[in-house]
Amino acid sequence: MQFNIHELKAKAGKPITLTLKHVGKASVKDMGHNIVIIKPGTNFNDFANRAAKDAADDYIPKNDPSIVAHTKLLGGGEQDTITFTINEKGTYEYLCTFPAHSATMRGKLIVE
């Protein structure tokens, strides 16, 4: 249970398009996956723990200023594509916020 890419690179100020494909077969309720990109300086573990408690909002804390972008929560065989722009250079972490997934489903987006 992990993302197949653990490091992404992008250019500041240019659109970034990501597609997340859930290649498993389990339902969204049993084994949902998403990708959430968080701002540099965000405490990863605190954010992951907070998000994992927010089942009512598909494990995406509403109006959280730490979130840069996110996909929807996906079940097996589903996919979601998002496009967003990051203007500030830095290293942004990404994770799956489904409970207990962030331990292995995480990576870095390096914006140059």
N, C-alpha and C. Protein backbone atom coordinates (compact mmCIF):
# COMPACT_ATOMS: atom_id res chain seq x y z
N MET A 1 0.84 -1.16 0.00
CA MET A 1 0.00 0.00 0.00
C MET A 1 0.90 1.24 0.00
N GLN A 2 1.12 1.77 -1.20
CA GLN A 2 1.95 2.95 -1.34
C GLN A 2 1.70 3.60 -2.70
N PHE A 3 2.11 4.84 -2.83
CA PHE A 3 2.07 5.50 -4.13
C PHE A 3 3.19 4.91 -4.98
N ASN A 4 3.00 4.85 -6.28
CA ASN A 4 4.06 4.31 -7.14
C ASN A 4 5.13 5.36 -7.42
N ILE A 5 4.87 6.62 -7.11
CA ILE A 5 5.86 7.69 -7.28
C ILE A 5 6.01 8.38 -5.92
N HIS A 6 7.23 8.49 -5.45
CA HIS A 6 7.49 9.05 -4.13
C HIS A 6 8.07 10.46 -4.16
N GLU A 7 8.44 10.92 -5.37
CA GLU A 7 8.95 12.27 -5.50
C GLU A 7 8.52 12.83 -6.85
N LEU A 8 7.92 14.00 -6.79
CA LEU A 8 7.48 14.71 -7.99
C LEU A 8 8.20 16.05 -8.05
N LYS A 9 8.40 16.57 -9.26
CA LYS A 9 9.01 17.89 -9.41
C LYS A 9 8.11 18.73 -10.31
N ALA A 10 8.06 20.03 -10.00
CA ALA A 10 7.23 20.96 -10.77
C ALA A 10 7.90 22.33 -10.77
N LYS A 11 7.44 23.19 -11.65
CA LYS A 11 7.95 24.56 -11.74
C LYS A 11 6.97 25.50 -11.05
N ALA A 12 7.49 26.40 -10.23
CA ALA A 12 6.66 27.39 -9.56
C ALA A 12 5.91 28.23 -10.59
N GLY A 13 4.64 28.49 -10.32
CA GLY A 13 3.83 29.33 -11.18
C GLY A 13 3.27 28.65 -12.41
N LYS A 14 3.58 27.38 -12.61
CA LYS A 14 3.07 26.62 -13.77
C LYS A 14 2.02 25.62 -13.30
N PRO A 15 0.97 25.39 -14.10
CA PRO A 15 -0.06 24.42 -13.70
C PRO A 15 0.53 23.02 -13.51
N ILE A 16 0.04 22.34 -12.50
CA ILE A 16 0.42 20.97 -12.18
C ILE A 16 -0.85 20.13 -12.33
N THR A 17 -0.76 19.06 -13.09
CA THR A 17 -1.89 18.14 -13.24
C THR A 17 -1.47 16.78 -12.71
N LEU A 18 -2.25 16.26 -11.77
CA LEU A 18 -2.00 14.93 -11.18
C LEU A 18 -3.22 14.06 -11.39
N THR A 19 -2.98 12.81 -11.73
CA THR A 19 -4.06 11.82 -11.81
C THR A 19 -3.74 10.72 -10.82
N LEU A 20 -4.68 10.45 -9.94
CA LEU A 20 -4.56 9.35 -8.98
C LEU A 20 -5.47 8.23 -9.44
N LYS A 21 -4.90 7.05 -9.60
CA LYS A 21 -5.68 5.86 -9.97
C LYS A 21 -5.59 4.86 -8.83
N HIS A 22 -6.74 4.44 -8.35
CA HIS A 22 -6.79 3.40 -7.31
C HIS A 22 -6.81 2.07 -8.04
N VAL A 23 -5.69 1.36 -8.03
CA VAL A 23 -5.57 0.13 -8.80
C VAL A 23 -6.09 -1.10 -8.06
N GLY A 24 -6.51 -0.92 -6.82
CA GLY A 24 -7.05 -2.04 -6.07
C GLY A 24 -8.50 -2.33 -6.44
N LYS A 25 -9.13 -3.20 -5.68
CA LYS A 25 -10.51 -3.59 -5.94
C LYS A 25 -11.44 -3.28 -4.78
N ALA A 26 -10.89 -2.92 -3.63
CA ALA A 26 -11.70 -2.69 -2.43
C ALA A 26 -12.54 -1.42 -2.57
N SER A 27 -13.63 -1.40 -1.86
CA SER A 27 -14.53 -0.24 -1.90
C SER A 27 -13.89 0.97 -1.22
N VAL A 28 -14.43 2.13 -1.52
CA VAL A 28 -13.95 3.37 -0.91
C VAL A 28 -14.10 3.32 0.61
N LYS A 29 -15.14 2.67 1.08
CA LYS A 29 -15.39 2.56 2.53
C LYS A 29 -14.35 1.67 3.22
N ASP A 30 -13.94 0.61 2.53
CA ASP A 30 -13.01 -0.34 3.13
C ASP A 30 -11.54 0.01 2.92
N MET A 31 -11.21 0.61 1.77
CA MET A 31 -9.81 0.88 1.45
C MET A 31 -9.72 2.07 0.49
N GLY A 32 -10.26 3.20 0.92
CA GLY A 32 -10.21 4.39 0.09
C GLY A 32 -8.81 4.98 0.04
N HIS A 33 -8.54 5.66 -1.08
CA HIS A 33 -7.26 6.35 -1.23
C HIS A 33 -7.51 7.74 -1.81
N ASN A 34 -6.65 8.67 -1.42
CA ASN A 34 -6.66 10.01 -1.98
C ASN A 34 -5.23 10.52 -1.99
N ILE A 35 -5.05 11.71 -2.50
CA ILE A 35 -3.76 12.38 -2.38
C ILE A 35 -4.05 13.80 -1.92
N VAL A 36 -3.38 14.20 -0.85
CA VAL A 36 -3.53 15.54 -0.29
C VAL A 36 -2.14 16.16 -0.23
N ILE A 37 -1.97 17.32 -0.83
CA ILE A 37 -0.70 18.03 -0.81
C ILE A 37 -0.79 19.10 0.27
N ILE A 38 0.21 19.13 1.15
CA ILE A 38 0.20 20.08 2.26
C ILE A 38 1.38 21.05 2.16
N LYS A 39 1.20 22.21 2.75
CA LYS A 39 2.21 23.27 2.70
C LYS A 39 3.46 22.91 3.50
N PRO A 40 4.61 23.44 3.05
CA PRO A 40 5.84 23.28 3.84
C PRO A 40 5.63 23.85 5.25
N GLY A 41 6.23 23.20 6.22
CA GLY A 41 6.12 23.65 7.60
C GLY A 41 4.94 23.04 8.34
N THR A 42 4.05 22.35 7.63
CA THR A 42 2.93 21.68 8.27
C THR A 42 3.46 20.46 9.01
N ASN A 43 3.03 20.27 10.24
CA ASN A 43 3.42 19.08 10.99
C ASN A 43 2.69 17.88 10.37
N PHE A 44 3.45 17.04 9.67
CA PHE A 44 2.88 15.92 8.92
C PHE A 44 2.02 15.01 9.79
N ASN A 45 2.56 14.56 10.91
CA ASN A 45 1.82 13.62 11.76
C ASN A 45 0.57 14.24 12.35
N ASP A 46 0.65 15.48 12.80
CA ASP A 46 -0.54 16.15 13.33
C ASP A 46 -1.62 16.27 12.26
N PHE A 47 -1.21 16.68 11.05
CA PHE A 47 -2.18 16.81 9.97
C PHE A 47 -2.81 15.45 9.65
N ALA A 48 -1.98 14.41 9.50
CA ALA A 48 -2.49 13.07 9.17
C ALA A 48 -3.46 12.56 10.22
N ASN A 49 -3.14 12.77 11.49
CA ASN A 49 -4.03 12.33 12.57
C ASN A 49 -5.34 13.09 12.57
N ARG A 50 -5.28 14.39 12.34
CA ARG A 50 -6.48 15.22 12.28
C ARG A 50 -7.36 14.79 11.10
N ALA A 51 -6.75 14.60 9.96
CA ALA A 51 -7.49 14.21 8.76
C ALA A 51 -8.15 12.84 8.93
N ALA A 52 -7.44 11.90 9.53
CA ALA A 52 -7.95 10.53 9.68
C ALA A 52 -9.20 10.47 10.55
N LYS A 53 -9.45 11.49 11.33
CA LYS A 53 -10.65 11.53 12.19
C LYS A 53 -11.84 12.17 11.49
N ASP A 54 -11.65 12.69 10.28
CA ASP A 54 -12.69 13.45 9.60
C ASP A 54 -13.43 12.61 8.55
N ALA A 55 -13.97 11.48 8.98
CA ALA A 55 -14.66 10.57 8.07
C ALA A 55 -15.84 11.23 7.37
N ALA A 56 -16.52 12.12 8.04
CA ALA A 56 -17.70 12.77 7.45
C ALA A 56 -17.35 13.57 6.20
N ASP A 57 -16.11 14.03 6.10
CA ASP A 57 -15.67 14.81 4.94
C ASP A 57 -14.63 14.05 4.11
N ASP A 58 -14.75 12.72 4.09
CA ASP A 58 -13.83 11.87 3.32
C ASP A 58 -12.37 12.08 3.70
N TYR A 59 -12.13 12.35 4.97
CA TYR A 59 -10.79 12.49 5.54
C TYR A 59 -10.03 13.70 4.98
N ILE A 60 -10.78 14.74 4.58
CA ILE A 60 -10.19 16.01 4.13
C ILE A 60 -10.71 17.09 5.08
N PRO A 61 -9.90 17.58 6.01
CA PRO A 61 -10.39 18.61 6.92
C PRO A 61 -10.82 19.87 6.15
N LYS A 62 -12.06 20.26 6.34
CA LYS A 62 -12.60 21.42 5.62
C LYS A 62 -11.89 22.70 6.06
N ASN A 63 -11.66 23.56 5.08
CA ASN A 63 -11.08 24.89 5.31
C ASN A 63 -9.75 24.85 6.04
N ASP A 64 -9.00 23.77 5.89
CA ASP A 64 -7.70 23.66 6.54
C ASP A 64 -6.67 24.43 5.72
N PRO A 65 -6.04 25.45 6.29
CA PRO A 65 -5.09 26.27 5.54
C PRO A 65 -3.81 25.52 5.14
N SER A 66 -3.60 24.33 5.68
CA SER A 66 -2.42 23.54 5.34
C SER A 66 -2.54 22.86 3.98
N ILE A 67 -3.77 22.71 3.48
CA ILE A 67 -4.01 21.96 2.25
C ILE A 67 -3.79 22.85 1.03
N VAL A 68 -2.96 22.37 0.12
CA VAL A 68 -2.71 23.05 -1.15
C VAL A 68 -3.70 22.55 -2.19
N ALA A 69 -3.86 21.24 -2.27
CA ALA A 69 -4.76 20.62 -3.25
C ALA A 69 -5.03 19.19 -2.80
N HIS A 70 -6.11 18.61 -3.32
CA HIS A 70 -6.42 17.21 -3.00
C HIS A 70 -7.35 16.61 -4.04
N THR A 71 -7.27 15.29 -4.16
CA THR A 71 -8.22 14.55 -4.98
C THR A 71 -9.40 14.17 -4.09
N LYS A 72 -10.38 13.59 -4.72
CA LYS A 72 -11.47 13.01 -3.93
C LYS A 72 -11.01 11.65 -3.41
N LEU A 73 -11.74 11.09 -2.49
CA LEU A 73 -11.45 9.76 -1.95
C LEU A 73 -11.96 8.73 -2.95
N LEU A 74 -11.10 7.79 -3.33
CA LEU A 74 -11.41 6.84 -4.39
C LEU A 74 -11.52 5.42 -3.90
N GLY A 75 -12.42 4.67 -4.50
CA GLY A 75 -12.50 3.23 -4.29
C GLY A 75 -11.79 2.51 -5.42
N GLY A 76 -11.69 1.20 -5.32
CA GLY A 76 -11.00 0.41 -6.32
C GLY A 76 -11.49 0.67 -7.73
N GLY A 77 -10.55 0.84 -8.65
CA GLY A 77 -10.88 1.06 -10.05
C GLY A 77 -11.21 2.50 -10.42
N GLU A 78 -11.30 3.39 -9.45
CA GLU A 78 -11.64 4.79 -9.73
C GLU A 78 -10.38 5.63 -9.92
N GLN A 79 -10.56 6.80 -10.53
CA GLN A 79 -9.45 7.75 -10.66
C GLN A 79 -9.99 9.16 -10.59
N ASP A 80 -9.10 10.09 -10.26
CA ASP A 80 -9.44 11.51 -10.18
C ASP A 80 -8.24 12.30 -10.67
N THR A 81 -8.51 13.36 -11.41
CA THR A 81 -7.46 14.24 -11.91
C THR A 81 -7.69 15.63 -11.35
N ILE A 82 -6.62 16.24 -10.85
CA ILE A 82 -6.70 17.61 -10.34
C ILE A 82 -5.64 18.46 -11.03
N THR A 83 -5.93 19.73 -11.19
CA THR A 83 -4.97 20.70 -11.73
C THR A 83 -4.92 21.88 -10.77
N PHE A 84 -3.72 22.30 -10.42
CA PHE A 84 -3.52 23.40 -9.48
C PHE A 84 -2.18 24.05 -9.78
N THR A 85 -1.94 25.20 -9.21
CA THR A 85 -0.68 25.93 -9.40
C THR A 85 -0.11 26.29 -8.03
N ILE A 86 1.18 26.09 -7.87
CA ILE A 86 1.89 26.51 -6.67
C ILE A 86 2.87 27.59 -7.09
N ASN A 87 2.75 28.75 -6.49
CA ASN A 87 3.61 29.88 -6.86
C ASN A 87 4.90 29.96 -6.06
N GLU A 88 4.94 29.34 -4.88
CA GLU A 88 6.12 29.43 -4.02
C GLU A 88 6.97 28.18 -4.13
N LYS A 89 8.27 28.38 -4.35
CA LYS A 89 9.20 27.25 -4.39
C LYS A 89 9.28 26.61 -3.02
N GLY A 90 9.54 25.32 -3.00
CA GLY A 90 9.68 24.61 -1.74
C GLY A 90 9.38 23.14 -1.90
N THR A 91 9.46 22.43 -0.79
CA THR A 91 9.14 21.01 -0.77
C THR A 91 7.81 20.82 -0.05
N TYR A 92 6.87 20.27 -0.76
CA TYR A 92 5.51 20.04 -0.28
C TYR A 92 5.33 18.54 -0.11
N GLU A 93 4.83 18.12 1.05
CA GLU A 93 4.58 16.70 1.25
C GLU A 93 3.19 16.35 0.74
N TYR A 94 3.04 15.09 0.31
CA TYR A 94 1.71 14.60 -0.04
C TYR A 94 1.48 13.26 0.65
N LEU A 95 0.21 12.96 0.88
CA LEU A 95 -0.16 11.77 1.63
C LEU A 95 -1.57 11.33 1.29
N CYS A 96 -1.86 10.09 1.64
CA CYS A 96 -3.23 9.59 1.64
C CYS A 96 -3.72 9.75 3.07
N THR A 97 -4.91 10.37 3.22
CA THR A 97 -5.41 10.66 4.56
C THR A 97 -6.40 9.62 5.09
N PHE A 98 -6.66 8.54 4.34
CA PHE A 98 -7.49 7.46 4.87
C PHE A 98 -6.78 6.93 6.12
N PRO A 99 -7.52 6.59 7.18
CA PRO A 99 -6.89 6.19 8.44
C PRO A 99 -5.77 5.15 8.27
N ALA A 100 -4.62 5.48 8.85
CA ALA A 100 -3.42 4.64 8.92
C ALA A 100 -2.65 4.54 7.61
N HIS A 101 -3.11 5.15 6.53
CA HIS A 101 -2.42 5.02 5.25
C HIS A 101 -1.20 5.94 5.13
N SER A 102 -1.18 7.04 5.84
CA SER A 102 -0.10 8.03 5.66
C SER A 102 1.27 7.48 6.07
N ALA A 103 1.31 6.42 6.83
CA ALA A 103 2.60 5.86 7.24
C ALA A 103 3.40 5.36 6.04
N THR A 104 2.71 4.84 5.03
CA THR A 104 3.40 4.32 3.84
C THR A 104 3.01 5.05 2.56
N MET A 105 1.87 5.71 2.56
CA MET A 105 1.41 6.42 1.36
C MET A 105 1.72 7.90 1.51
N ARG A 106 2.95 8.24 1.15
CA ARG A 106 3.42 9.62 1.28
C ARG A 106 4.55 9.87 0.29
N GLY A 107 4.80 11.14 0.04
CA GLY A 107 5.87 11.51 -0.87
C GLY A 107 6.12 13.00 -0.81
N LYS A 108 6.97 13.48 -1.72
CA LYS A 108 7.35 14.90 -1.76
C LYS A 108 7.13 15.45 -3.16
N LEU A 109 6.60 16.67 -3.20
CA LEU A 109 6.47 17.45 -4.42
C LEU A 109 7.45 18.61 -4.28
N ILE A 110 8.47 18.61 -5.12
CA ILE A 110 9.49 19.65 -5.08
C ILE A 110 9.16 20.68 -6.14
N VAL A 111 8.90 21.90 -5.69
CA VAL A 111 8.56 22.99 -6.60
C VAL A 111 9.79 23.88 -6.72
N GLU A 112 10.30 23.99 -7.94
CA GLU A 112 11.54 24.74 -8.19
C GLU A 112 11.26 26.06 -8.87
